Amino acid sequence: MNIIDKKIDGGRPFDWGRTSADYAKFRDIYPEKFYQKILDRNLCMAGQSVLDLGTGTGVLPRNMYRYGAKWTATDLSENQIEQARILSDGMDIDYHVAATENIRFPDDSFDVVTACQCFWYFDHETLMPKLWHMLKQEGSILVLYMAWLPFEDKIAGASEDLVLKYNPDWSGAGEMVHPIGIPDCYREKFELVYHEEFPLEVSFTRESWNGRMKACRGIGASLTEKEISMWEEEHKKLLAQIAPDEFTVLHYGALAELRKK
């Protein structure tokens, strides 16, 4: 399902479902430190019920399932949820295909709502009151993010430049470390109780980094098949010139916790 937002990629349509196979294979890359930061906040643990918004292929609930929370997860893309269910075989995770703004769960259903790599896509004026009702007393919204740092990492910068060659309006470029922005409408019903930004070294091979870049919004979710093929051929040649067989790419992680008033 195409998403069109004038604030994103100059309004160019994108559909995460088009890249679900690569997303499932190459975007489950958060290092253990990323998950530990969540546990350090005493969130997404045994005894808690968690709703993961924009779950994609279920990366967050699948990796945190071992800590004992009861997970429910939603995503707009049927293809993403299909991959999530395949990868979650044997796990009791309740997946739903739904636009985030259309989700419906009873009041006081969840201790925590998570949103990883997706918070800025939502219509928050519509969503915020729903989350307030669905969360239990003093429940938390946990917003999570991880991005490579193109100005500090040579390989990330070169790969990003190549994405921009094929998709000049891609607005995912030029990332620098900064706190997660929270829309003003949340101030009425929630309090920002914590935020943190921290460095992360993420390990890749040439194949897995190519796959990670191909599965980004600027390539796999928006370009034509011909454009993707041309980009991938050029990207593989680039990596053969600038990257060893195995390497790390400097990223940063960020989280923001909002607590229900």
C-alpha atoms as a PDB file:
ATOM      1  CA  MET A   1       0.000   0.000   0.000  1.00  0.00           C
ATOM      2  CA  ASN A   2       1.539   3.276  -1.113  1.00  0.00           C
ATOM      3  CA  ILE A   3       2.121   6.019   1.435  1.00  0.00           C
ATOM      4  CA  ILE A   4       2.292   9.583   0.161  1.00  0.00           C
ATOM      5  CA  ASP A   5       3.338  12.407   2.465  1.00  0.00           C
ATOM      6  CA  LYS A   6       4.631  15.716   1.126  1.00  0.00           C
ATOM      7  CA  LYS A   7       6.941  15.982   4.152  1.00  0.00           C
ATOM      8  CA  ILE A   8       8.646  12.671   3.265  1.00  0.00           C
ATOM      9  CA  ASP A   9      10.803  12.202   0.150  1.00  0.00           C
ATOM     10  CA  GLY A  10       9.195  15.177  -1.571  1.00  0.00           C
ATOM     11  CA  GLY A  11       5.890  13.327  -1.683  1.00  0.00           C
ATOM     12  CA  ARG A  12       7.265  10.347  -3.643  1.00  0.00           C
ATOM     13  CA  PRO A  13       5.081   7.263  -2.983  1.00  0.00           C
ATOM     14  CA  PHE A  14       6.619   4.404  -1.006  1.00  0.00           C
ATOM     15  CA  ASP A  15       5.377   0.992   0.062  1.00  0.00           C
ATOM     16  CA  TRP A  16       7.227  -1.057   2.660  1.00  0.00           C
ATOM     17  CA  GLY A  17       5.442  -4.154   1.391  1.00  0.00           C
ATOM     18  CA  ARG A  18       7.524  -3.988  -1.786  1.00  0.00           C
ATOM     19  CA  THR A  19      10.694  -4.633   0.190  1.00  0.00           C
ATOM     20  CA  SER A  20       9.364  -7.073   2.801  1.00  0.00           C
ATOM     21  CA  ALA A  21      11.583 -10.000   1.772  1.00  0.00           C
ATOM     22  CA  ASP A  22      14.757  -7.906   2.044  1.00  0.00           C
ATOM     23  CA  TYR A  23      13.428  -6.189   5.170  1.00  0.00           C
ATOM     24  CA  ALA A  24      12.937  -9.567   6.842  1.00  0.00           C
ATOM     25  CA  LYS A  25      16.417 -10.768   5.858  1.00  0.00           C
ATOM     26  CA  PHE A  26      18.518  -7.661   6.382  1.00  0.00           C
ATOM     27  CA  ARG A  27      16.898  -5.278   8.876  1.00  0.00           C
ATOM     28  CA  ASP A  28      16.967  -7.394  12.023  1.00  0.00           C
ATOM     29  CA  ILE A  29      20.223  -5.696  13.021  1.00  0.00           C
ATOM     30  CA  TYR A  30      19.787  -3.998  16.400  1.00  0.00           C
ATOM     31  CA  PRO A  31      22.692  -4.929  18.683  1.00  0.00           C
ATOM     32  CA  GLU A  32      22.051  -6.270  22.163  1.00  0.00           C
ATOM     33  CA  LYS A  33      22.863  -2.876  23.691  1.00  0.00           C
ATOM     34  CA  PHE A  34      19.768  -1.448  21.971  1.00  0.00           C
ATOM     35  CA  TYR A  35      17.465  -3.947  23.683  1.00  0.00           C
ATOM     36  CA  GLN A  36      19.255  -3.568  27.015  1.00  0.00           C
ATOM     37  CA  LYS A  37      18.424   0.148  26.992  1.00  0.00           C
ATOM     38  CA  ILE A  38      14.729  -0.830  26.911  1.00  0.00           C
ATOM     39  CA  LEU A  39      15.133  -3.272  29.783  1.00  0.00           C
ATOM     40  CA  ASP A  40      17.007  -0.620  31.771  1.00  0.00           C
ATOM     41  CA  ARG A  41      13.750   1.376  31.731  1.00  0.00           C
ATOM     42  CA  ASN A  42      11.917  -1.675  33.158  1.00  0.00           C
ATOM     43  CA  LEU A  43       9.816  -1.862  30.002  1.00  0.00           C
ATOM     44  CA  CYS A  44       8.720  -4.769  27.777  1.00  0.00           C
ATOM     45  CA  MET A  45       9.324  -7.323  30.515  1.00  0.00           C
ATOM     46  CA  ALA A  46       7.472 -10.222  32.123  1.00  0.00           C
ATOM     47  CA  GLY A  47       4.105  -9.249  33.528  1.00  0.00           C
ATOM     48  CA  GLN A  48       3.591  -6.444  30.987  1.00  0.00           C
ATOM     49  CA  SER A  49       1.310  -6.271  27.971  1.00  0.00           C
ATOM     50  CA  VAL A  50       2.938  -4.432  25.048  1.00  0.00           C
ATOM     51  CA  LEU A  51       1.537  -3.046  21.789  1.00  0.00           C
ATOM     52  CA  ASP A  52       4.126  -2.515  19.027  1.00  0.00           C
ATOM     53  CA  LEU A  53       3.012  -0.011  16.394  1.00  0.00           C
ATOM     54  CA  GLY A  54       4.377  -0.150  12.851  1.00  0.00           C
ATOM     55  CA  THR A  55       5.976  -3.472  13.698  1.00  0.00           C
ATOM     56  CA  GLY A  56       7.201  -4.211  10.157  1.00  0.00           C
ATOM     57  CA  THR A  57       8.520  -7.772  10.193  1.00  0.00           C
ATOM     58  CA  GLY A  58       8.149  -7.934  13.971  1.00  0.00           C
ATOM     59  CA  VAL A  59      11.774  -7.194  14.797  1.00  0.00           C
ATOM     60  CA  LEU A  60      11.083  -5.678  18.218  1.00  0.00           C
ATOM     61  CA  PRO A  61       8.570  -8.219  19.590  1.00  0.00           C
ATOM     62  CA  ARG A  62      10.523 -11.167  18.199  1.00  0.00           C
ATOM     63  CA  ASN A  63      13.795 -10.101  19.790  1.00  0.00           C
ATOM     64  CA  MET A  64      12.236  -9.116  23.121  1.00  0.00           C
ATOM     65  CA  TYR A  65       9.868 -12.074  23.363  1.00  0.00           C
ATOM     66  CA  ARG A  66      12.387 -13.913  25.552  1.00  0.00           C
ATOM     67  CA  TYR A  67      11.914 -11.349  28.325  1.00  0.00           C
ATOM     68  CA  GLY A  68       8.373 -12.488  28.968  1.00  0.00           C
ATOM     69  CA  ALA A  69       6.040  -9.631  27.964  1.00  0.00           C
ATOM     70  CA  LYS A  70       2.794 -10.394  26.113  1.00  0.00           C
ATOM     71  CA  TRP A  71       3.117  -8.786  22.687  1.00  0.00           C
ATOM     72  CA  THR A  72       0.524  -7.468  20.260  1.00  0.00           C
ATOM     73  CA  ALA A  73       1.793  -5.877  17.034  1.00  0.00           C
ATOM     74  CA  THR A  74       0.258  -3.969  14.132  1.00  0.00           C
ATOM     75  CA  ASP A  75       1.384  -2.772  10.719  1.00  0.00           C
ATOM     76  CA  LEU A  76      -0.230  -1.191   7.694  1.00  0.00           C
ATOM     77  CA  SER A  77       1.427  -3.636   5.265  1.00  0.00           C
ATOM     78  CA  GLU A  78      -0.008  -7.103   4.821  1.00  0.00           C
ATOM     79  CA  ASN A  79       3.317  -8.229   3.326  1.00  0.00           C
ATOM     80  CA  GLN A  80       5.234  -7.053   6.387  1.00  0.00           C
ATOM     81  CA  ILE A  81       2.873  -8.865   8.744  1.00  0.00           C
ATOM     82  CA  GLU A  82       3.108 -12.014   6.620  1.00  0.00           C
ATOM     83  CA  GLN A  83       6.885 -12.001   7.063  1.00  0.00           C
ATOM     84  CA  ALA A  84       6.513 -11.236  10.772  1.00  0.00           C
ATOM     85  CA  ARG A  85       4.285 -14.270  11.275  1.00  0.00           C
ATOM     86  CA  ILE A  86       6.725 -16.536   9.422  1.00  0.00           C
ATOM     87  CA  LEU A  87       9.667 -15.296  11.472  1.00  0.00           C
ATOM     88  CA  SER A  88       7.682 -15.561  14.720  1.00  0.00           C
ATOM     89  CA  ASP A  89       6.867 -19.245  14.322  1.00  0.00           C
ATOM     90  CA  GLY A  90       6.449 -20.757  17.779  1.00  0.00           C
ATOM     91  CA  MET A  91       6.008 -17.381  19.497  1.00  0.00           C
ATOM     92  CA  ASP A  92       2.701 -16.204  20.922  1.00  0.00           C
ATOM     93  CA  ILE A  93       2.649 -12.777  19.265  1.00  0.00           C
ATOM     94  CA  ASP A  94      -0.724 -11.370  18.186  1.00  0.00           C
ATOM     95  CA  TYR A  95      -0.267  -9.662  14.794  1.00  0.00           C
ATOM     96  CA  HIS A  96      -2.820  -7.381  13.099  1.00  0.00           C
ATOM     97  CA  VAL A  97      -2.855  -5.689   9.684  1.00  0.00           C
ATOM     98  CA  ALA A  98      -4.116  -2.168  10.330  1.00  0.00           C
ATOM     99  CA  ALA A  99      -3.185   1.452   9.853  1.00  0.00           C
ATOM    100  CA  THR A 100      -2.004   2.762  13.203  1.00  0.00           C
ATOM    101  CA  GLU A 101      -4.666   5.486  13.254  1.00  0.00           C
ATOM    102  CA  ASN A 102      -7.376   2.799  12.846  1.00  0.00           C
ATOM    103  CA  ILE A 103      -6.332   0.446  15.641  1.00  0.00           C
ATOM    104  CA  ARG A 104      -9.006  -0.433  18.170  1.00  0.00           C
ATOM    105  CA  PHE A 105      -8.275  -2.073  21.510  1.00  0.00           C
ATOM    106  CA  PRO A 106     -10.198  -1.738  24.777  1.00  0.00           C
ATOM    107  CA  ASP A 107      -9.291   0.879  27.364  1.00  0.00           C
ATOM    108  CA  ASP A 108      -6.515  -0.101  29.792  1.00  0.00           C
ATOM    109  CA  SER A 109      -5.247  -2.894  27.522  1.00  0.00           C
ATOM    110  CA  PHE A 110      -1.503  -2.216  27.598  1.00  0.00           C
ATOM    111  CA  ASP A 111       1.296  -1.351  29.989  1.00  0.00           C
ATOM    112  CA  VAL A 112       3.555  -0.182  27.168  1.00  0.00           C
ATOM    113  CA  VAL A 113       3.146   0.994  23.567  1.00  0.00           C
ATOM    114  CA  THR A 114       6.291   0.862  21.439  1.00  0.00           C
ATOM    115  CA  ALA A 115       7.054   2.537  18.116  1.00  0.00           C
ATOM    116  CA  CYS A 116      10.401   1.690  16.532  1.00  0.00           C
ATOM    117  CA  GLN A 117      11.571   3.492  13.364  1.00  0.00           C
ATOM    118  CA  CYS A 118       8.023   4.588  12.542  1.00  0.00           C
ATOM    119  CA  PHE A 119       6.750   7.278  14.935  1.00  0.00           C
ATOM    120  CA  TRP A 120       6.977  10.169  12.440  1.00  0.00           C
ATOM    121  CA  TYR A 121       4.688   8.421   9.938  1.00  0.00           C
ATOM    122  CA  PHE A 122       1.604   8.657  12.162  1.00  0.00           C
ATOM    123  CA  ASP A 123      -1.236  11.178  12.387  1.00  0.00           C
ATOM    124  CA  HIS A 124      -0.623  12.043  16.028  1.00  0.00           C
ATOM    125  CA  GLU A 125      -3.682  14.232  16.557  1.00  0.00           C
ATOM    126  CA  THR A 126      -5.761  11.135  15.812  1.00  0.00           C
ATOM    127  CA  LEU A 127      -3.489   8.616  17.501  1.00  0.00           C
ATOM    128  CA  MET A 128      -2.573  10.289  20.788  1.00  0.00           C
ATOM    129  CA  PRO A 129      -6.045  10.120  22.426  1.00  0.00           C
ATOM    130  CA  LYS A 130      -6.383   6.476  21.401  1.00  0.00           C
ATOM    131  CA  LEU A 131      -3.076   5.568  23.017  1.00  0.00           C
ATOM    132  CA  TRP A 132      -4.043   7.410  26.190  1.00  0.00           C
ATOM    133  CA  HIS A 133      -7.200   5.302  26.469  1.00  0.00           C
ATOM    134  CA  MET A 134      -5.526   2.001  25.554  1.00  0.00           C
ATOM    135  CA  LEU A 135      -2.718   2.424  28.088  1.00  0.00           C
ATOM    136  CA  LYS A 136      -3.154   1.470  31.718  1.00  0.00           C
ATOM    137  CA  GLN A 137      -2.653   3.997  34.494  1.00  0.00           C
ATOM    138  CA  GLU A 138       0.913   5.341  34.334  1.00  0.00           C
ATOM    139  CA  GLY A 139       1.513   3.311  31.177  1.00  0.00           C
ATOM    140  CA  SER A 140       4.329   4.309  28.833  1.00  0.00           C
ATOM    141  CA  ILE A 141       4.863   5.064  25.172  1.00  0.00           C
ATOM    142  CA  LEU A 142       8.408   4.109  24.190  1.00  0.00           C
ATOM    143  CA  VAL A 143       9.663   5.637  20.941  1.00  0.00           C
ATOM    144  CA  LEU A 144      12.797   4.004  19.504  1.00  0.00           C
ATOM    145  CA  TYR A 145      15.156   4.834  16.668  1.00  0.00           C
ATOM    146  CA  MET A 146      18.483   3.766  15.180  1.00  0.00           C
ATOM    147  CA  ALA A 147      20.325   5.313  12.226  1.00  0.00           C
ATOM    148  CA  TRP A 148      23.742   5.228  10.594  1.00  0.00           C
ATOM    149  CA  LEU A 149      25.861   8.370  10.755  1.00  0.00           C
ATOM    150  CA  PRO A 150      26.931   9.314   7.211  1.00  0.00           C
ATOM    151  CA  PHE A 151      29.170  12.233   8.188  1.00  0.00           C
ATOM    152  CA  GLU A 152      31.131  10.113  10.657  1.00  0.00           C
ATOM    153  CA  ASP A 153      31.272   6.752   8.853  1.00  0.00           C
ATOM    154  CA  LYS A 154      32.896   6.577   5.397  1.00  0.00           C
ATOM    155  CA  ILE A 155      31.025   3.500   4.184  1.00  0.00           C
ATOM    156  CA  ALA A 156      27.654   4.816   5.350  1.00  0.00           C
ATOM    157  CA  GLY A 157      28.325   8.172   3.705  1.00  0.00           C
ATOM    158  CA  ALA A 158      29.296   6.651   0.361  1.00  0.00           C
ATOM    159  CA  SER A 159      26.277   4.340   0.315  1.00  0.00           C
ATOM    160  CA  GLU A 160      23.969   7.195   1.216  1.00  0.00           C
ATOM    161  CA  ASP A 161      25.365   9.324  -1.599  1.00  0.00           C
ATOM    162  CA  LEU A 162      24.501   6.534  -4.025  1.00  0.00           C
ATOM    163  CA  VAL A 163      20.929   6.375  -2.747  1.00  0.00           C
ATOM    164  CA  LEU A 164      20.627  10.117  -3.366  1.00  0.00           C
ATOM    165  CA  LYS A 165      21.921   9.662  -6.917  1.00  0.00           C
ATOM    166  CA  TYR A 166      18.910   7.478  -7.692  1.00  0.00           C
ATOM    167  CA  ASN A 167      16.420   9.187  -5.368  1.00  0.00           C
ATOM    168  CA  PRO A 168      17.470  12.837  -4.869  1.00  0.00           C
ATOM    169  CA  ASP A 169      14.396  13.720  -2.805  1.00  0.00           C
ATOM    170  CA  TRP A 170      14.945  10.946  -0.261  1.00  0.00           C
ATOM    171  CA  SER A 171      14.638  12.700   3.087  1.00  0.00           C
ATOM    172  CA  GLY A 172      16.299   9.959   5.120  1.00  0.00           C
ATOM    173  CA  ALA A 173      19.768  11.307   4.349  1.00  0.00           C
ATOM    174  CA  GLY A 174      22.096  13.436   6.458  1.00  0.00           C
ATOM    175  CA  GLU A 175      21.320  11.949   9.859  1.00  0.00           C
ATOM    176  CA  MET A 176      23.072  13.354  12.932  1.00  0.00           C
ATOM    177  CA  VAL A 177      22.683  12.498  16.598  1.00  0.00           C
ATOM    178  CA  HIS A 178      19.631  14.212  18.101  1.00  0.00           C
ATOM    179  CA  PRO A 179      16.810  13.482  20.554  1.00  0.00           C
ATOM    180  CA  ILE A 180      13.596  12.011  19.163  1.00  0.00           C
ATOM    181  CA  GLY A 181      11.079  14.745  18.425  1.00  0.00           C
ATOM    182  CA  ILE A 182       7.730  14.393  20.172  1.00  0.00           C
ATOM    183  CA  PRO A 183       4.713  16.256  18.717  1.00  0.00           C
ATOM    184  CA  ASP A 184       3.248  18.957  20.946  1.00  0.00           C
ATOM    185  CA  CYS A 185      -0.143  17.254  21.159  1.00  0.00           C
ATOM    186  CA  TYR A 186       1.293  14.638  23.548  1.00  0.00           C
ATOM    187  CA  ARG A 187       1.935  17.254  26.239  1.00  0.00           C
ATOM    188  CA  GLU A 188      -1.731  17.305  27.183  1.00  0.00           C
ATOM    189  CA  LYS A 189      -1.939  13.650  28.197  1.00  0.00           C
ATOM    190  CA  PHE A 190       1.676  12.481  28.582  1.00  0.00           C
ATOM    191  CA  GLU A 191       4.903  13.527  30.264  1.00  0.00           C
ATOM    192  CA  LEU A 192       8.326  13.026  28.710  1.00  0.00           C
ATOM    193  CA  VAL A 193      10.101  11.238  31.565  1.00  0.00           C
ATOM    194  CA  TYR A 194      13.288  10.097  29.842  1.00  0.00           C
ATOM    195  CA  HIS A 195      15.300  10.326  26.658  1.00  0.00           C
ATOM    196  CA  GLU A 196      18.731   9.061  25.700  1.00  0.00           C
ATOM    197  CA  GLU A 197      20.960   8.998  22.635  1.00  0.00           C
ATOM    198  CA  PHE A 198      23.889   6.578  22.456  1.00  0.00           C
ATOM    199  CA  PRO A 199      26.488   5.309  19.932  1.00  0.00           C
ATOM    200  CA  LEU A 200      26.221   1.851  18.401  1.00  0.00           C
ATOM    201  CA  GLU A 201      28.658  -0.128  16.243  1.00  0.00           C
ATOM    202  CA  VAL A 202      26.656  -2.473  14.000  1.00  0.00           C
ATOM    203  CA  SER A 203      28.385  -5.386  12.261  1.00  0.00           C
ATOM    204  CA  PHE A 204      27.893  -6.132   8.559  1.00  0.00           C
ATOM    205  CA  THR A 205      29.276  -8.044   5.628  1.00  0.00           C
ATOM    206  CA  ARG A 206      29.226  -6.528   2.160  1.00  0.00           C
ATOM    207  CA  GLU A 207      26.157  -8.635   1.388  1.00  0.00           C
ATOM    208  CA  SER A 208      24.248  -7.683   4.525  1.00  0.00           C
ATOM    209  CA  TRP A 209      25.067  -3.965   4.225  1.00  0.00           C
ATOM    210  CA  ASN A 210      23.964  -3.986   0.595  1.00  0.00           C
ATOM    211  CA  GLY A 211      20.758  -5.688   1.711  1.00  0.00           C
ATOM    212  CA  ARG A 212      20.243  -3.194   4.525  1.00  0.00           C
ATOM    213  CA  MET A 213      20.614  -0.257   2.157  1.00  0.00           C
ATOM    214  CA  LYS A 214      18.425  -1.886  -0.491  1.00  0.00           C
ATOM    215  CA  ALA A 215      15.689  -2.321   2.123  1.00  0.00           C
ATOM    216  CA  CYS A 216      15.644   1.376   2.992  1.00  0.00           C
ATOM    217  CA  ARG A 217      12.751   3.629   2.026  1.00  0.00           C
ATOM    218  CA  GLY A 218      14.824   5.455  -0.566  1.00  0.00           C
ATOM    219  CA  ILE A 219      15.527   2.301  -2.606  1.00  0.00           C
ATOM    220  CA  GLY A 220      13.454  -0.850  -2.174  1.00  0.00           C
ATOM    221  CA  ALA A 221      10.277   0.806  -0.961  1.00  0.00           C
ATOM    222  CA  SER A 222      10.080   3.446  -3.688  1.00  0.00           C
ATOM    223  CA  LEU A 223      12.172   2.837  -6.827  1.00  0.00           C
ATOM    224  CA  THR A 224      11.186   0.790  -9.878  1.00  0.00           C
ATOM    225  CA  GLU A 225      12.596  -2.707 -10.287  1.00  0.00           C
ATOM    226  CA  LYS A 226      14.911  -1.454 -13.028  1.00  0.00           C
ATOM    227  CA  GLU A 227      16.179   1.397 -10.864  1.00  0.00           C
ATOM    228  CA  ILE A 228      16.719  -0.941  -7.919  1.00  0.00           C
ATOM    229  CA  SER A 229      18.713  -3.334 -10.106  1.00  0.00           C
ATOM    230  CA  MET A 230      20.882  -0.514 -11.450  1.00  0.00           C
ATOM    231  CA  TRP A 231      21.461   0.878  -7.956  1.00  0.00           C
ATOM    232  CA  GLU A 232      22.352  -2.544  -6.550  1.00  0.00           C
ATOM    233  CA  GLU A 233      24.862  -3.282  -9.292  1.00  0.00           C
ATOM    234  CA  GLU A 234      26.568   0.051  -8.683  1.00  0.00           C
ATOM    235  CA  HIS A 235      26.425  -0.334  -4.903  1.00  0.00           C
ATOM    236  CA  LYS A 236      28.062  -3.753  -4.948  1.00  0.00           C
ATOM    237  CA  LYS A 237      30.905  -2.383  -7.076  1.00  0.00           C
ATOM    238  CA  LEU A 238      31.293   0.517  -4.657  1.00  0.00           C
ATOM    239  CA  LEU A 239      31.486  -1.781  -1.631  1.00  0.00           C
ATOM    240  CA  ALA A 240      34.099  -3.953  -3.331  1.00  0.00           C
ATOM    241  CA  GLN A 241      36.254  -0.830  -3.596  1.00  0.00           C
ATOM    242  CA  ILE A 242      35.741   0.747  -0.157  1.00  0.00           C
ATOM    243  CA  ALA A 243      34.701  -1.986   2.274  1.00  0.00           C
ATOM    244  CA  PRO A 244      36.417  -5.125   3.606  1.00  0.00           C
ATOM    245  CA  ASP A 245      34.514  -8.415   3.694  1.00  0.00           C
ATOM    246  CA  GLU A 246      33.392  -7.680   7.257  1.00  0.00           C
ATOM    247  CA  PHE A 247      33.110  -4.295   8.953  1.00  0.00           C
ATOM    248  CA  THR A 248      31.105  -2.191  11.370  1.00  0.00           C
ATOM    249  CA  VAL A 249      29.049   0.901  10.586  1.00  0.00           C
ATOM    250  CA  LEU A 250      28.713   3.646  13.187  1.00  0.00           C
ATOM    251  CA  HIS A 251      25.086   4.242  14.165  1.00  0.00           C
ATOM    252  CA  TYR A 252      23.354   5.945  17.031  1.00  0.00           C
ATOM    253  CA  GLY A 253      20.353   4.743  18.970  1.00  0.00           C
ATOM    254  CA  ALA A 254      17.743   6.934  20.602  1.00  0.00           C
ATOM    255  CA  LEU A 255      14.775   6.388  22.849  1.00  0.00           C
ATOM    256  CA  ALA A 256      12.124   8.587  24.413  1.00  0.00           C
ATOM    257  CA  GLU A 257       9.699   7.461  27.108  1.00  0.00           C
ATOM    258  CA  LEU A 258       6.363   9.212  27.566  1.00  0.00           C
ATOM    259  CA  ARG A 259       4.283   8.347  30.626  1.00  0.00           C
ATOM    260  CA  LYS A 260       0.519   8.648  30.828  1.00  0.00           C
ATOM    261  CA  LYS A 261      -0.633  11.408  33.178  1.00  0.00           C
END
